[in-house]
Amino acid sequence: MAELKYLPAGIRLHLKEIFYKITEDLTKYYYFHFKDIPTGLKAEKLLKKHNIKSIPVPNEIFKDCGVAILTKDKEEIKRILKKNKIEFEIWIYENGFKKIEGDITKVSCKI
């Protein structure tokens, strides 16, 4: 369970995920994953004008909670995150999730 202060963000992300799953094929995106919730929320805020989608990180990537940024423009998002010194991993979906770049130390969000 995430810290209670992240509960509103978690609800918002889950609602967005439901909408995206109904309206789009999310397997066509690159998934950016971050070490913890605050970093993911910071990245989401930084990238909101760059045609991204944000959802809870899929359990296949990380079984605990977190934020995933979805984009089709991997290189531009990488450039912005690196410029802002935000560490990330990039995953794709090809018959299951596969990490294609990065290696972060994940921080559990359990209380």
Protein backbone atom coordinates (compact mmCIF):
# COMPACT_ATOMS: atom_id res chain seq x y z
CA MET A 1 0.00 0.00 0.00
CA ALA A 2 1.34 3.42 -0.92
CA GLU A 3 1.64 6.28 1.49
CA LEU A 4 -1.75 7.89 2.02
CA LYS A 5 -0.60 11.21 0.56
CA TYR A 6 -0.32 9.48 -2.84
CA LEU A 7 -3.82 8.02 -2.72
CA PRO A 8 -5.47 10.80 -4.83
CA ALA A 9 -2.76 10.46 -7.49
CA GLY A 10 -3.22 6.68 -7.49
CA ILE A 11 -6.98 6.98 -7.98
CA ARG A 12 -6.45 9.48 -10.81
CA LEU A 13 -3.91 7.21 -12.53
CA HIS A 14 -6.17 4.15 -12.25
CA LEU A 15 -9.12 6.04 -13.75
CA LYS A 16 -6.93 7.23 -16.63
CA GLU A 17 -5.72 3.67 -17.18
CA ILE A 18 -9.30 2.38 -17.45
CA PHE A 19 -10.13 5.09 -20.00
CA TYR A 20 -6.98 4.41 -22.05
CA LYS A 21 -7.60 0.65 -22.06
CA ILE A 22 -11.11 1.24 -23.42
CA THR A 23 -10.03 3.71 -26.11
CA GLU A 24 -6.54 2.59 -27.18
CA ASP A 25 -4.08 -0.27 -27.55
CA LEU A 26 -1.53 0.43 -24.82
CA THR A 27 0.84 -2.24 -26.13
CA LYS A 28 1.98 0.20 -28.84
CA TYR A 29 3.76 2.49 -26.36
CA TYR A 30 7.09 2.68 -24.60
CA TYR A 31 6.68 2.48 -20.83
CA PHE A 32 8.97 4.65 -18.70
CA HIS A 33 9.25 3.44 -15.11
CA PHE A 34 10.79 5.33 -12.18
CA LYS A 35 12.34 4.39 -8.85
CA ASP A 36 9.47 5.71 -6.74
CA ILE A 37 6.15 7.53 -6.79
CA PRO A 38 7.50 11.07 -6.20
CA THR A 39 9.92 10.70 -9.13
CA GLY A 40 7.16 9.37 -11.38
CA LEU A 41 4.83 12.23 -10.45
CA LYS A 42 7.63 14.73 -11.04
CA ALA A 43 8.24 13.23 -14.49
CA GLU A 44 4.51 13.31 -15.25
CA LYS A 45 4.31 17.01 -14.38
CA LEU A 46 7.46 17.81 -16.38
CA LEU A 47 6.22 15.92 -19.46
CA LYS A 48 2.51 16.80 -19.48
CA LYS A 49 2.88 18.96 -22.62
CA HIS A 50 4.69 16.21 -24.55
CA ASN A 51 1.84 13.90 -25.60
CA ILE A 52 2.37 11.33 -22.86
CA LYS A 53 -0.02 9.12 -20.97
CA SER A 54 0.43 8.25 -17.31
CA ILE A 55 -0.92 5.15 -15.59
CA PRO A 56 -0.06 3.02 -12.57
CA VAL A 57 3.00 0.95 -13.35
CA PRO A 58 1.88 -2.50 -14.62
CA ASN A 59 2.41 -5.35 -12.15
CA GLU A 60 4.52 -7.19 -14.74
CA ILE A 61 7.06 -4.36 -14.54
CA PHE A 62 6.95 -3.78 -10.77
CA LYS A 63 4.55 -5.52 -8.40
CA ASP A 64 4.45 -2.60 -5.98
CA CYS A 65 2.90 0.77 -6.77
CA GLY A 66 4.37 3.41 -9.04
CA VAL A 67 3.87 5.67 -12.04
CA ALA A 68 4.45 4.69 -15.66
CA ILE A 69 4.75 7.25 -18.43
CA LEU A 70 3.65 5.98 -21.85
CA THR A 71 4.87 7.54 -25.07
CA LYS A 72 5.52 6.73 -28.70
CA ASP A 73 8.31 9.36 -28.82
CA LYS A 74 10.94 7.55 -26.76
CA GLU A 75 13.95 9.67 -27.74
CA GLU A 76 12.40 13.05 -26.90
CA ILE A 77 11.19 11.82 -23.50
CA LYS A 78 14.61 10.30 -22.76
CA ARG A 79 16.30 13.60 -23.62
CA ILE A 80 14.01 15.60 -21.32
CA LEU A 81 14.34 13.16 -18.42
CA LYS A 82 18.13 12.99 -18.72
CA LYS A 83 18.35 16.79 -18.90
CA ASN A 84 16.41 16.91 -15.61
CA LYS A 85 18.50 14.11 -14.04
CA ILE A 86 15.55 11.75 -13.64
CA GLU A 87 16.52 8.07 -13.70
CA PHE A 88 14.24 5.68 -15.59
CA GLU A 89 13.83 2.30 -17.20
CA ILE A 90 12.13 1.77 -20.55
CA TRP A 91 9.92 -1.23 -21.19
CA ILE A 92 7.97 -2.44 -24.22
CA TYR A 93 5.21 -4.99 -24.60
CA GLU A 94 6.01 -7.88 -26.94
CA ASN A 95 4.18 -11.00 -25.76
CA GLY A 96 4.81 -9.71 -22.23
CA PHE A 97 6.81 -6.79 -20.88
CA LYS A 98 10.52 -6.58 -21.67
CA LYS A 99 12.98 -4.04 -20.38
CA ILE A 100 14.92 -2.44 -23.21
CA GLU A 101 16.90 0.24 -21.39
CA GLY A 102 17.93 1.47 -17.96
CA ASP A 103 18.51 -0.08 -14.57
CA ILE A 104 17.11 1.67 -11.54
CA THR A 105 16.92 0.58 -7.95
CA LYS A 106 13.23 0.42 -7.16
CA VAL A 107 12.03 1.77 -3.84
CA SER A 108 9.10 0.02 -2.25
CA CYS A 109 6.13 2.18 -1.43
CA LYS A 110 4.83 -0.02 1.37
CA ILE A 111 4.06 1.67 4.66
